[in-house]
Amino acid sequence: MTLVKFPDYIKIEKTKFNADILNIDFENISNNVININDKEYLFNNLSNNGNKGGNSIILKLYSVDEAADIEAFDDITPIAILKILKFPFKKRSFKGRVTNEYTSTHKRFLNEIDALNKSKELKNENVIEVYDDGECIINNWHYLFYSMEVADYDLKSYIEEKHGGLQFENKVLFCLELLDGINQLDNAIFYHRDIKPDNIFFANGKWKLGDLGLVDGKDLNYRFNEEGKFIGPRGWSSPEVMNKYLSEKKGFKYNYDCRIDHQSDIFQLGKVFWYIFQYNAPIGNIHFHDFNRENERVFWILRKMLHHSKLRRFHKVSTIIPLFQKINQECIIG
């Protein structure tokens, strides 16, 4: 496991909803150096608008050779992003053996790292690539971290800025790349469970899934008791998420589907696709007249992705991909 030590003057400020690195030396920028696997980096905070995840600190990493002073940060692209879980963990020593005391929050973060590493091993090009992971020491406290590739923007900010120039065929390609990402997670028997525009990133010329903090799967190291818990993004949740939150093990007369799985990812992805084509979210019983007619070729696919019952929903992402591929081919032929 990689160990990173921050300068002694660096501290973490935590709030209920966020966290930040304090005391970065902006006068002598060369003092802000960390070493990850024998490579030296300068670091700086990611802007507040780009901070993803209230449980983490997100830093931009720069090459020591390129970022000679603070002004250079505005002119060069970071070479990696560092994500640090804001909650420290304790180390306990017993009979010469040191063990880490992890809470459920740490274990979820470790599951995220595990899923990202396995996606990298499977050469999943539509999931954010992880570089390094391990522990970092900040002000004598131990934290978990991983570093990853730099994204240019997320899907939400991209659509808000570029929606006027987006063509139908561009949107079809977006969907195909995201379907590939979910399909490869599905093949690895992972469920993302947190699909929303803010967690979809454009990096190295591709749309990619990121922020796997709620990932689940049988091959992950840690499992959790999630009975009656709300799991996933509010506003983008599947029927199973609400069933779980409202009715699981409550003793009600009727039993509802409370299992969050790959079909739940399909439902969330259907909501995101609707947003890509329509710039709003599908709520309630959707009809053809709710959809813009210029996008009608995808309506029937989205409607099946968004069925309330899993029995009527697509069962596998792999069955959706050919449908979008056919539409993409029609766009090419004209």
C-alpha atoms as a PDB file:
ATOM      1  CA  MET A   1       0.000   0.000   0.000  1.00  0.00           C
ATOM      2  CA  THR A   2       1.312   3.441  -0.972  1.00  0.00           C
ATOM      3  CA  LEU A   3       2.067   5.829   1.912  1.00  0.00           C
ATOM      4  CA  VAL A   4       2.012   9.609   1.325  1.00  0.00           C
ATOM      5  CA  LYS A   5       3.084  12.204   3.899  1.00  0.00           C
ATOM      6  CA  PHE A   6       1.932  15.809   3.623  1.00  0.00           C
ATOM      7  CA  PRO A   7       4.001  18.753   4.958  1.00  0.00           C
ATOM      8  CA  ASP A   8       3.618  19.183   8.725  1.00  0.00           C
ATOM      9  CA  TYR A   9       1.841  22.543   8.441  1.00  0.00           C
ATOM     10  CA  ILE A  10      -1.030  21.115   6.363  1.00  0.00           C
ATOM     11  CA  LYS A  11      -4.297  20.476   8.204  1.00  0.00           C
ATOM     12  CA  ILE A  12      -7.800  19.305   7.339  1.00  0.00           C
ATOM     13  CA  GLU A  13     -10.857  21.358   8.228  1.00  0.00           C
ATOM     14  CA  LYS A  14     -14.006  19.240   8.413  1.00  0.00           C
ATOM     15  CA  THR A  15     -17.637  20.303   8.419  1.00  0.00           C
ATOM     16  CA  LYS A  16     -20.767  18.178   8.291  1.00  0.00           C
ATOM     17  CA  PHE A  17     -21.081  18.572   4.531  1.00  0.00           C
ATOM     18  CA  ASN A  18     -17.550  19.250   3.324  1.00  0.00           C
ATOM     19  CA  ALA A  19     -13.849  19.293   4.094  1.00  0.00           C
ATOM     20  CA  ASP A  20     -10.841  21.238   2.899  1.00  0.00           C
ATOM     21  CA  ILE A  21      -7.068  21.346   3.086  1.00  0.00           C
ATOM     22  CA  LEU A  22      -5.754  24.322   5.076  1.00  0.00           C
ATOM     23  CA  ASN A  23      -2.442  26.208   5.206  1.00  0.00           C
ATOM     24  CA  ILE A  24      -1.251  25.642   1.640  1.00  0.00           C
ATOM     25  CA  ASP A  25       1.888  27.770   1.239  1.00  0.00           C
ATOM     26  CA  PHE A  26       1.075  30.110  -1.649  1.00  0.00           C
ATOM     27  CA  GLU A  27       4.218  32.236  -1.219  1.00  0.00           C
ATOM     28  CA  ASN A  28       6.695  29.357  -1.434  1.00  0.00           C
ATOM     29  CA  ILE A  29       4.786  26.957  -3.622  1.00  0.00           C
ATOM     30  CA  SER A  30       7.701  24.528  -3.787  1.00  0.00           C
ATOM     31  CA  ASN A  31       7.080  23.707  -0.109  1.00  0.00           C
ATOM     32  CA  ASN A  32       3.793  22.016  -0.999  1.00  0.00           C
ATOM     33  CA  VAL A  33       5.319  18.774  -2.225  1.00  0.00           C
ATOM     34  CA  ILE A  34       4.138  15.210  -1.724  1.00  0.00           C
ATOM     35  CA  ASN A  35       5.670  12.007  -3.035  1.00  0.00           C
ATOM     36  CA  ILE A  36       3.551   9.214  -4.518  1.00  0.00           C
ATOM     37  CA  ASN A  37       5.421   6.137  -5.706  1.00  0.00           C
ATOM     38  CA  ASP A  38       8.683   8.061  -6.119  1.00  0.00           C
ATOM     39  CA  LYS A  39       7.064  10.894  -8.079  1.00  0.00           C
ATOM     40  CA  GLU A  40       6.859  14.402  -6.626  1.00  0.00           C
ATOM     41  CA  TYR A  41       3.721  16.516  -6.973  1.00  0.00           C
ATOM     42  CA  LEU A  42       2.560  19.971  -5.966  1.00  0.00           C
ATOM     43  CA  PHE A  43      -1.044  20.149  -4.816  1.00  0.00           C
ATOM     44  CA  ASN A  44      -3.864  22.658  -4.706  1.00  0.00           C
ATOM     45  CA  ASN A  45      -7.558  22.574  -3.821  1.00  0.00           C
ATOM     46  CA  LEU A  46     -10.071  21.771  -6.493  1.00  0.00           C
ATOM     47  CA  SER A  47     -12.485  24.683  -6.891  1.00  0.00           C
ATOM     48  CA  ASN A  48     -15.603  24.506  -4.733  1.00  0.00           C
ATOM     49  CA  ASN A  49     -17.767  24.144  -7.843  1.00  0.00           C
ATOM     50  CA  GLY A  50     -15.889  21.001  -8.776  1.00  0.00           C
ATOM     51  CA  ASN A  51     -15.779  19.390  -5.366  1.00  0.00           C
ATOM     52  CA  LYS A  52     -17.441  15.995  -5.631  1.00  0.00           C
ATOM     53  CA  GLY A  53     -18.531  14.223  -2.510  1.00  0.00           C
ATOM     54  CA  GLY A  54     -19.040  15.691   0.941  1.00  0.00           C
ATOM     55  CA  ASN A  55     -17.039  12.888   2.555  1.00  0.00           C
ATOM     56  CA  SER A  56     -13.864  13.638   0.626  1.00  0.00           C
ATOM     57  CA  ILE A  57     -11.211  16.243  -0.016  1.00  0.00           C
ATOM     58  CA  ILE A  58     -10.397  16.667  -3.700  1.00  0.00           C
ATOM     59  CA  LEU A  59      -6.972  18.019  -4.684  1.00  0.00           C
ATOM     60  CA  LYS A  60      -5.352  18.797  -8.012  1.00  0.00           C
ATOM     61  CA  LEU A  61      -1.841  17.418  -8.472  1.00  0.00           C
ATOM     62  CA  TYR A  62       0.774  19.160 -10.620  1.00  0.00           C
ATOM     63  CA  SER A  63       4.193  18.194 -11.862  1.00  0.00           C
ATOM     64  CA  VAL A  64       6.905  19.876  -9.774  1.00  0.00           C
ATOM     65  CA  ASP A  65       8.755  20.749 -12.975  1.00  0.00           C
ATOM     66  CA  GLU A  66       5.789  22.508 -14.594  1.00  0.00           C
ATOM     67  CA  ALA A  67       4.266  24.397 -11.647  1.00  0.00           C
ATOM     68  CA  ALA A  68       7.117  26.641 -10.549  1.00  0.00           C
ATOM     69  CA  ASP A  69       4.863  29.210  -8.865  1.00  0.00           C
ATOM     70  CA  ILE A  70       1.250  29.699  -7.878  1.00  0.00           C
ATOM     71  CA  GLU A  71       0.425  31.678 -11.031  1.00  0.00           C
ATOM     72  CA  ALA A  72       1.302  28.615 -13.088  1.00  0.00           C
ATOM     73  CA  PHE A  73      -1.643  26.721 -11.584  1.00  0.00           C
ATOM     74  CA  ASP A  74      -4.007  28.754 -13.748  1.00  0.00           C
ATOM     75  CA  ASP A  75      -2.108  28.012 -16.960  1.00  0.00           C
ATOM     76  CA  ILE A  76      -1.461  24.282 -16.792  1.00  0.00           C
ATOM     77  CA  THR A  77      -3.636  21.222 -16.487  1.00  0.00           C
ATOM     78  CA  PRO A  78      -3.180  19.052 -13.397  1.00  0.00           C
ATOM     79  CA  ILE A  79      -1.781  15.618 -14.150  1.00  0.00           C
ATOM     80  CA  ALA A  80      -3.920  13.792 -11.593  1.00  0.00           C
ATOM     81  CA  ILE A  81      -6.686  14.245  -9.039  1.00  0.00           C
ATOM     82  CA  LEU A  82      -6.222  13.150  -5.431  1.00  0.00           C
ATOM     83  CA  LYS A  83      -9.291  12.053  -3.463  1.00  0.00           C
ATOM     84  CA  ILE A  84      -8.842  11.789   0.312  1.00  0.00           C
ATOM     85  CA  LEU A  85     -11.512  10.458   2.661  1.00  0.00           C
ATOM     86  CA  LYS A  86     -11.934  13.230   5.222  1.00  0.00           C
ATOM     87  CA  PHE A  87     -12.302  10.854   8.189  1.00  0.00           C
ATOM     88  CA  PRO A  88      -9.024   9.633   9.745  1.00  0.00           C
ATOM     89  CA  PHE A  89      -8.659   6.078  10.967  1.00  0.00           C
ATOM     90  CA  LYS A  90      -6.813   4.741  13.991  1.00  0.00           C
ATOM     91  CA  LYS A  91      -3.939   2.306  14.047  1.00  0.00           C
ATOM     92  CA  ARG A  92      -3.757  -0.178  16.897  1.00  0.00           C
ATOM     93  CA  SER A  93      -0.666  -2.141  17.872  1.00  0.00           C
ATOM     94  CA  PHE A  94      -0.918  -5.474  19.668  1.00  0.00           C
ATOM     95  CA  LYS A  95       2.016  -7.816  20.251  1.00  0.00           C
ATOM     96  CA  GLY A  96       4.022  -6.100  17.552  1.00  0.00           C
ATOM     97  CA  ARG A  97       1.252  -6.309  14.979  1.00  0.00           C
ATOM     98  CA  VAL A  98      -0.347  -3.106  13.688  1.00  0.00           C
ATOM     99  CA  THR A  99      -3.953  -3.181  12.505  1.00  0.00           C
ATOM    100  CA  ASN A 100      -6.129  -0.466  11.004  1.00  0.00           C
ATOM    101  CA  GLU A 101      -9.447   0.304  12.668  1.00  0.00           C
ATOM    102  CA  TYR A 102     -11.890   1.036   9.866  1.00  0.00           C
ATOM    103  CA  THR A 103     -15.453   2.297  10.236  1.00  0.00           C
ATOM    104  CA  SER A 104     -18.156   1.532   7.672  1.00  0.00           C
ATOM    105  CA  THR A 105     -17.276   4.811   5.916  1.00  0.00           C
ATOM    106  CA  HIS A 106     -13.675   3.670   5.463  1.00  0.00           C
ATOM    107  CA  LYS A 107     -14.850   0.275   4.220  1.00  0.00           C
ATOM    108  CA  ARG A 108     -17.100   1.880   1.608  1.00  0.00           C
ATOM    109  CA  PHE A 109     -14.134   3.943   0.410  1.00  0.00           C
ATOM    110  CA  LEU A 110     -12.015   0.780   0.205  1.00  0.00           C
ATOM    111  CA  ASN A 111     -14.778  -0.906  -1.807  1.00  0.00           C
ATOM    112  CA  GLU A 112     -14.722   2.056  -4.187  1.00  0.00           C
ATOM    113  CA  ILE A 113     -10.965   1.676  -4.647  1.00  0.00           C
ATOM    114  CA  ASP A 114     -11.349  -2.075  -5.142  1.00  0.00           C
ATOM    115  CA  ALA A 115     -14.024  -1.633  -7.828  1.00  0.00           C
ATOM    116  CA  LEU A 116     -11.968   1.021  -9.641  1.00  0.00           C
ATOM    117  CA  ASN A 117      -8.878  -1.187  -9.621  1.00  0.00           C
ATOM    118  CA  LYS A 118     -10.827  -4.175 -10.933  1.00  0.00           C
ATOM    119  CA  SER A 119     -12.364  -2.007 -13.663  1.00  0.00           C
ATOM    120  CA  LYS A 120      -8.856  -0.934 -14.630  1.00  0.00           C
ATOM    121  CA  GLU A 121      -7.717  -4.576 -14.761  1.00  0.00           C
ATOM    122  CA  LEU A 122     -10.644  -5.324 -17.085  1.00  0.00           C
ATOM    123  CA  LYS A 123      -9.628  -2.352 -19.279  1.00  0.00           C
ATOM    124  CA  ASN A 124     -12.987  -0.652 -18.751  1.00  0.00           C
ATOM    125  CA  GLU A 125     -12.419   2.551 -20.722  1.00  0.00           C
ATOM    126  CA  ASN A 126     -15.702   4.108 -19.625  1.00  0.00           C
ATOM    127  CA  VAL A 127     -14.937   4.104 -15.899  1.00  0.00           C
ATOM    128  CA  ILE A 128     -12.592   6.719 -14.414  1.00  0.00           C
ATOM    129  CA  GLU A 129      -9.052   5.324 -14.249  1.00  0.00           C
ATOM    130  CA  VAL A 130      -7.411   5.023 -10.841  1.00  0.00           C
ATOM    131  CA  TYR A 131      -3.635   5.519 -10.590  1.00  0.00           C
ATOM    132  CA  ASP A 132      -2.509   4.926  -6.991  1.00  0.00           C
ATOM    133  CA  ASP A 133      -4.170   4.249  -3.654  1.00  0.00           C
ATOM    134  CA  GLY A 134      -3.155   3.852  -0.044  1.00  0.00           C
ATOM    135  CA  GLU A 135      -2.737   5.930   3.115  1.00  0.00           C
ATOM    136  CA  CYS A 136      -1.668   9.522   3.588  1.00  0.00           C
ATOM    137  CA  ILE A 137      -0.514  11.226   6.773  1.00  0.00           C
ATOM    138  CA  ILE A 138      -1.803  14.738   7.428  1.00  0.00           C
ATOM    139  CA  ASN A 139      -0.954  16.420  10.723  1.00  0.00           C
ATOM    140  CA  ASN A 140      -0.094  12.990  12.205  1.00  0.00           C
ATOM    141  CA  TRP A 141      -3.502  11.547  11.286  1.00  0.00           C
ATOM    142  CA  HIS A 142      -3.927   8.645   8.861  1.00  0.00           C
ATOM    143  CA  TYR A 143      -6.347   8.950   5.930  1.00  0.00           C
ATOM    144  CA  LEU A 144      -7.276   6.772   2.954  1.00  0.00           C
ATOM    145  CA  PHE A 145      -6.731   8.125  -0.556  1.00  0.00           C
ATOM    146  CA  TYR A 146      -6.628   7.289  -4.237  1.00  0.00           C
ATOM    147  CA  SER A 147      -5.450   9.271  -7.244  1.00  0.00           C
ATOM    148  CA  MET A 148      -7.175   9.236 -10.626  1.00  0.00           C
ATOM    149  CA  GLU A 149      -7.202  10.723 -14.085  1.00  0.00           C
ATOM    150  CA  VAL A 150      -8.264  14.341 -14.590  1.00  0.00           C
ATOM    151  CA  ALA A 151     -11.729  15.055 -16.007  1.00  0.00           C
ATOM    152  CA  ASP A 152     -12.447  18.106 -18.134  1.00  0.00           C
ATOM    153  CA  TYR A 153     -16.019  18.469 -16.844  1.00  0.00           C
ATOM    154  CA  ASP A 154     -19.017  16.510 -15.606  1.00  0.00           C
ATOM    155  CA  LEU A 155     -22.151  15.790 -17.626  1.00  0.00           C
ATOM    156  CA  LYS A 156     -24.357  18.274 -15.768  1.00  0.00           C
ATOM    157  CA  SER A 157     -22.039  21.256 -16.269  1.00  0.00           C
ATOM    158  CA  TYR A 158     -21.384  20.217 -19.884  1.00  0.00           C
ATOM    159  CA  ILE A 159     -25.080  20.114 -20.789  1.00  0.00           C
ATOM    160  CA  GLU A 160     -25.787  23.384 -19.003  1.00  0.00           C
ATOM    161  CA  GLU A 161     -23.036  25.070 -21.019  1.00  0.00           C
ATOM    162  CA  LYS A 162     -23.277  23.285 -24.388  1.00  0.00           C
ATOM    163  CA  HIS A 163     -26.943  22.324 -24.731  1.00  0.00           C
ATOM    164  CA  GLY A 164     -27.563  24.821 -27.534  1.00  0.00           C
ATOM    165  CA  GLY A 165     -25.133  23.082 -29.867  1.00  0.00           C
ATOM    166  CA  LEU A 166     -25.768  19.433 -29.000  1.00  0.00           C
ATOM    167  CA  GLN A 167     -27.082  17.363 -31.882  1.00  0.00           C
ATOM    168  CA  PHE A 168     -29.150  14.183 -31.629  1.00  0.00           C
ATOM    169  CA  GLU A 169     -26.277  12.027 -32.905  1.00  0.00           C
ATOM    170  CA  ASN A 170     -23.927  13.457 -30.240  1.00  0.00           C
ATOM    171  CA  LYS A 171     -26.368  12.463 -27.529  1.00  0.00           C
ATOM    172  CA  VAL A 172     -26.660   8.937 -28.914  1.00  0.00           C
ATOM    173  CA  LEU A 173     -22.871   8.576 -28.693  1.00  0.00           C
ATOM    174  CA  PHE A 174     -22.920   9.846 -25.071  1.00  0.00           C
ATOM    175  CA  CYS A 175     -25.440   7.128 -24.233  1.00  0.00           C
ATOM    176  CA  LEU A 176     -23.419   4.407 -25.956  1.00  0.00           C
ATOM    177  CA  GLU A 177     -20.294   5.258 -23.961  1.00  0.00           C
ATOM    178  CA  LEU A 178     -22.216   5.232 -20.680  1.00  0.00           C
ATOM    179  CA  LEU A 179     -23.906   1.955 -21.599  1.00  0.00           C
ATOM    180  CA  ASP A 180     -20.475   0.444 -22.220  1.00  0.00           C
ATOM    181  CA  GLY A 181     -19.328   1.602 -18.781  1.00  0.00           C
ATOM    182  CA  ILE A 182     -22.337   0.138 -16.966  1.00  0.00           C
ATOM    183  CA  ASN A 183     -22.161  -3.044 -19.047  1.00  0.00           C
ATOM    184  CA  GLN A 184     -18.550  -3.606 -18.045  1.00  0.00           C
ATOM    185  CA  LEU A 185     -19.393  -2.975 -14.384  1.00  0.00           C
ATOM    186  CA  ASP A 186     -22.249  -5.448 -14.800  1.00  0.00           C
ATOM    187  CA  ASN A 187     -19.852  -8.020 -16.289  1.00  0.00           C
ATOM    188  CA  ALA A 188     -17.650  -7.563 -13.215  1.00  0.00           C
ATOM    189  CA  ILE A 189     -20.800  -8.063 -11.094  1.00  0.00           C
ATOM    190  CA  PHE A 190     -20.724  -4.519  -9.680  1.00  0.00           C
ATOM    191  CA  TYR A 191     -23.704  -2.204  -9.246  1.00  0.00           C
ATOM    192  CA  HIS A 192     -22.911   1.506  -9.330  1.00  0.00           C
ATOM    193  CA  ARG A 193     -26.107   2.626  -7.485  1.00  0.00           C
ATOM    194  CA  ASP A 194     -25.218   6.333  -7.630  1.00  0.00           C
ATOM    195  CA  ILE A 195     -25.740   7.228 -11.290  1.00  0.00           C
ATOM    196  CA  LYS A 196     -26.463  10.910 -11.849  1.00  0.00           C
ATOM    197  CA  PRO A 197     -25.097  13.622 -14.191  1.00  0.00           C
ATOM    198  CA  ASP A 198     -22.700  14.919 -11.511  1.00  0.00           C
ATOM    199  CA  ASN A 199     -21.006  11.491 -11.346  1.00  0.00           C
ATOM    200  CA  ILE A 200     -20.404  11.198 -15.097  1.00  0.00           C
ATOM    201  CA  PHE A 201     -17.181  12.770 -16.369  1.00  0.00           C
ATOM    202  CA  PHE A 202     -15.467  13.549 -19.664  1.00  0.00           C
ATOM    203  CA  ALA A 203     -11.836  12.446 -19.452  1.00  0.00           C
ATOM    204  CA  ASN A 204      -9.285  11.626 -22.141  1.00  0.00           C
ATOM    205  CA  GLY A 205     -11.856  11.968 -24.900  1.00  0.00           C
ATOM    206  CA  LYS A 206     -14.521   9.681 -23.397  1.00  0.00           C
ATOM    207  CA  TRP A 207     -17.561   9.889 -21.145  1.00  0.00           C
ATOM    208  CA  LYS A 208     -16.842   7.890 -18.003  1.00  0.00           C
ATOM    209  CA  LEU A 209     -18.549   6.813 -14.803  1.00  0.00           C
ATOM    210  CA  GLY A 210     -16.970   8.016 -11.595  1.00  0.00           C
ATOM    211  CA  ASP A 211     -17.635   8.289  -7.860  1.00  0.00           C
ATOM    212  CA  LEU A 212     -18.224   4.629  -7.014  1.00  0.00           C
ATOM    213  CA  GLY A 213     -18.717   5.377  -3.324  1.00  0.00           C
ATOM    214  CA  LEU A 214     -21.956   3.344  -3.155  1.00  0.00           C
ATOM    215  CA  VAL A 215     -20.777   0.471  -5.343  1.00  0.00           C
ATOM    216  CA  ASP A 216     -21.968  -3.004  -4.419  1.00  0.00           C
ATOM    217  CA  GLY A 217     -21.049  -6.473  -5.647  1.00  0.00           C
ATOM    218  CA  LYS A 218     -20.411  -9.966  -4.374  1.00  0.00           C
ATOM    219  CA  ASP A 219     -16.641  -9.822  -5.028  1.00  0.00           C
ATOM    220  CA  LEU A 220     -16.041  -6.706  -2.922  1.00  0.00           C
ATOM    221  CA  ASN A 221     -14.327  -7.107   0.432  1.00  0.00           C
ATOM    222  CA  TYR A 222     -16.966  -5.431   2.588  1.00  0.00           C
ATOM    223  CA  ARG A 223     -20.736  -5.881   2.829  1.00  0.00           C
ATOM    224  CA  PHE A 224     -23.110  -3.716   4.855  1.00  0.00           C
ATOM    225  CA  ASN A 225     -26.429  -3.954   6.623  1.00  0.00           C
ATOM    226  CA  GLU A 226     -28.473  -1.518   4.533  1.00  0.00           C
ATOM    227  CA  GLU A 227     -31.896  -2.558   5.754  1.00  0.00           C
ATOM    228  CA  GLY A 228     -34.329   0.336   5.393  1.00  0.00           C
ATOM    229  CA  LYS A 229     -31.592   2.722   4.235  1.00  0.00           C
ATOM    230  CA  PHE A 230     -31.865   5.239   1.397  1.00  0.00           C
ATOM    231  CA  ILE A 231     -29.143   4.207  -1.068  1.00  0.00           C
ATOM    232  CA  GLY A 232     -28.373   6.437  -4.031  1.00  0.00           C
ATOM    233  CA  PRO A 233     -28.862   9.934  -5.442  1.00  0.00           C
ATOM    234  CA  ARG A 234     -32.011  11.775  -4.456  1.00  0.00           C
ATOM    235  CA  GLY A 235     -33.999  12.739  -7.524  1.00  0.00           C
ATOM    236  CA  TRP A 236     -32.374  10.003  -9.616  1.00  0.00           C
ATOM    237  CA  SER A 237     -33.401   6.990  -7.532  1.00  0.00           C
ATOM    238  CA  SER A 238     -35.088   3.799  -8.724  1.00  0.00           C
ATOM    239  CA  PRO A 239     -38.396   2.388  -7.381  1.00  0.00           C
ATOM    240  CA  GLU A 240     -36.408  -0.247  -5.470  1.00  0.00           C
ATOM    241  CA  VAL A 241     -34.523   2.459  -3.569  1.00  0.00           C
ATOM    242  CA  MET A 242     -37.767   4.024  -2.349  1.00  0.00           C
ATOM    243  CA  ASN A 243     -39.265   0.603  -1.567  1.00  0.00           C
ATOM    244  CA  LYS A 244     -36.219  -0.229   0.531  1.00  0.00           C
ATOM    245  CA  TYR A 245     -36.345   3.066   2.389  1.00  0.00           C
ATOM    246  CA  LEU A 246     -40.098   3.053   3.026  1.00  0.00           C
ATOM    247  CA  SER A 247     -41.123  -0.568   3.423  1.00  0.00           C
ATOM    248  CA  GLU A 248     -38.235  -2.991   3.966  1.00  0.00           C
ATOM    249  CA  LYS A 249     -38.800  -5.176   7.049  1.00  0.00           C
ATOM    250  CA  LYS A 250     -41.561  -2.853   8.297  1.00  0.00           C
ATOM    251  CA  GLY A 251     -44.110  -5.659   8.648  1.00  0.00           C
ATOM    252  CA  PHE A 252     -46.475  -4.260   6.019  1.00  0.00           C
ATOM    253  CA  LYS A 253     -49.068  -6.524   4.410  1.00  0.00           C
ATOM    254  CA  TYR A 254     -47.474  -6.432   0.954  1.00  0.00           C
ATOM    255  CA  ASN A 255     -43.873  -7.210   0.081  1.00  0.00           C
ATOM    256  CA  TYR A 256     -42.230  -4.902  -2.428  1.00  0.00           C
ATOM    257  CA  ASP A 257     -39.027  -5.278  -4.421  1.00  0.00           C
ATOM    258  CA  CYS A 258     -36.298  -3.777  -2.223  1.00  0.00           C
ATOM    259  CA  ARG A 259     -33.302  -5.281  -4.038  1.00  0.00           C
ATOM    260  CA  ILE A 260     -31.000  -2.673  -5.591  1.00  0.00           C
ATOM    261  CA  ASP A 261     -29.131  -4.339  -8.465  1.00  0.00           C
ATOM    262  CA  HIS A 262     -28.110  -3.963 -12.125  1.00  0.00           C
ATOM    263  CA  GLN A 263     -31.720  -3.286 -13.153  1.00  0.00           C
ATOM    264  CA  SER A 264     -31.736  -0.391 -10.697  1.00  0.00           C
ATOM    265  CA  ASP A 265     -28.672   0.961 -12.518  1.00  0.00           C
ATOM    266  CA  ILE A 266     -30.634   0.643 -15.776  1.00  0.00           C
ATOM    267  CA  PHE A 267     -33.481   2.702 -14.298  1.00  0.00           C
ATOM    268  CA  GLN A 268     -31.108   5.435 -13.085  1.00  0.00           C
ATOM    269  CA  LEU A 269     -29.354   5.426 -16.452  1.00  0.00           C
ATOM    270  CA  GLY A 270     -32.736   5.823 -18.155  1.00  0.00           C
ATOM    271  CA  LYS A 271     -33.333   8.968 -16.107  1.00  0.00           C
ATOM    272  CA  VAL A 272     -29.911  10.317 -17.075  1.00  0.00           C
ATOM    273  CA  PHE A 273     -30.546   9.552 -20.768  1.00  0.00           C
ATOM    274  CA  TRP A 274     -33.866  11.387 -20.586  1.00  0.00           C
ATOM    275  CA  TYR A 275     -31.974  14.359 -19.149  1.00  0.00           C
ATOM    276  CA  ILE A 276     -29.414  14.155 -21.970  1.00  0.00           C
ATOM    277  CA  PHE A 277     -32.126  14.324 -24.636  1.00  0.00           C
ATOM    278  CA  GLN A 278     -34.728  16.495 -22.904  1.00  0.00           C
ATOM    279  CA  TYR A 279     -32.857  18.519 -20.224  1.00  0.00           C
ATOM    280  CA  ASN A 280     -35.391  17.541 -17.561  1.00  0.00           C
ATOM    281  CA  ALA A 281     -36.194  14.425 -15.532  1.00  0.00           C
ATOM    282  CA  PRO A 282     -38.965  11.845 -16.114  1.00  0.00           C
ATOM    283  CA  ILE A 283     -41.296  11.687 -13.130  1.00  0.00           C
ATOM    284  CA  GLY A 284     -44.494   9.651 -12.911  1.00  0.00           C
ATOM    285  CA  ASN A 285     -46.267   7.803 -15.721  1.00  0.00           C
ATOM    286  CA  ILE A 286     -44.450   8.971 -18.845  1.00  0.00           C
ATOM    287  CA  HIS A 287     -46.120   9.195 -22.259  1.00  0.00           C
ATOM    288  CA  PHE A 288     -44.942   9.780 -25.800  1.00  0.00           C
ATOM    289  CA  HIS A 289     -46.350  13.314 -25.804  1.00  0.00           C
ATOM    290  CA  ASP A 290     -43.998  14.136 -22.874  1.00  0.00           C
ATOM    291  CA  PHE A 291     -41.048  13.673 -25.240  1.00  0.00           C
ATOM    292  CA  ASN A 292     -39.684  15.954 -27.947  1.00  0.00           C
ATOM    293  CA  ARG A 293     -40.656  14.424 -31.297  1.00  0.00           C
ATOM    294  CA  GLU A 294     -37.208  14.968 -32.785  1.00  0.00           C
ATOM    295  CA  ASN A 295     -35.925  12.447 -30.233  1.00  0.00           C
ATOM    296  CA  GLU A 296     -38.736   9.918 -30.713  1.00  0.00           C
ATOM    297  CA  ARG A 297     -36.400   7.128 -31.896  1.00  0.00           C
ATOM    298  CA  VAL A 298     -35.050   6.759 -28.361  1.00  0.00           C
ATOM    299  CA  PHE A 299     -38.313   7.270 -26.465  1.00  0.00           C
ATOM    300  CA  TRP A 300     -39.373   3.628 -26.613  1.00  0.00           C
ATOM    301  CA  ILE A 301     -35.976   2.498 -25.335  1.00  0.00           C
ATOM    302  CA  LEU A 302     -36.061   4.951 -22.443  1.00  0.00           C
ATOM    303  CA  ARG A 303     -39.605   4.031 -21.532  1.00  0.00           C
ATOM    304  CA  LYS A 304     -38.594   0.382 -21.124  1.00  0.00           C
ATOM    305  CA  MET A 305     -35.561   1.409 -19.056  1.00  0.00           C
ATOM    306  CA  LEU A 306     -37.920   3.400 -16.825  1.00  0.00           C
ATOM    307  CA  HIS A 307     -40.633   0.822 -16.170  1.00  0.00           C
ATOM    308  CA  HIS A 308     -41.587   0.705 -12.501  1.00  0.00           C
ATOM    309  CA  SER A 309     -41.548  -3.090 -12.429  1.00  0.00           C
ATOM    310  CA  LYS A 310     -38.310  -4.955 -13.133  1.00  0.00           C
ATOM    311  CA  LEU A 311     -40.391  -7.571 -14.959  1.00  0.00           C
ATOM    312  CA  ARG A 312     -41.101  -5.005 -17.689  1.00  0.00           C
ATOM    313  CA  ARG A 313     -37.735  -3.258 -17.522  1.00  0.00           C
ATOM    314  CA  PHE A 314     -34.694  -4.304 -19.568  1.00  0.00           C
ATOM    315  CA  HIS A 315     -32.971  -7.176 -17.766  1.00  0.00           C
ATOM    316  CA  LYS A 316     -29.454  -6.532 -19.054  1.00  0.00           C
ATOM    317  CA  VAL A 317     -27.566  -3.483 -20.286  1.00  0.00           C
ATOM    318  CA  SER A 318     -26.153  -5.634 -23.084  1.00  0.00           C
ATOM    319  CA  THR A 319     -29.625  -5.795 -24.678  1.00  0.00           C
ATOM    320  CA  ILE A 320     -29.878  -1.988 -24.812  1.00  0.00           C
ATOM    321  CA  ILE A 321     -26.528  -1.399 -26.525  1.00  0.00           C
ATOM    322  CA  PRO A 322     -27.547  -2.847 -29.957  1.00  0.00           C
ATOM    323  CA  LEU A 323     -30.642  -0.628 -29.975  1.00  0.00           C
ATOM    324  CA  PHE A 324     -28.542   2.513 -29.599  1.00  0.00           C
ATOM    325  CA  GLN A 325     -25.962   1.149 -32.044  1.00  0.00           C
ATOM    326  CA  LYS A 326     -28.712   0.793 -34.654  1.00  0.00           C
ATOM    327  CA  ILE A 327     -29.830   4.389 -34.106  1.00  0.00           C
ATOM    328  CA  ASN A 328     -26.214   5.552 -34.311  1.00  0.00           C
ATOM    329  CA  GLN A 329     -25.789   3.711 -37.622  1.00  0.00           C
ATOM    330  CA  GLU A 330     -28.948   5.367 -38.958  1.00  0.00           C
ATOM    331  CA  CYS A 331     -27.490   8.753 -37.995  1.00  0.00           C
ATOM    332  CA  ILE A 332     -24.280   7.963 -39.912  1.00  0.00           C
ATOM    333  CA  ILE A 333     -26.152   6.848 -43.034  1.00  0.00           C
ATOM    334  CA  GLY A 334     -28.468   9.830 -42.743  1.00  0.00           C
END
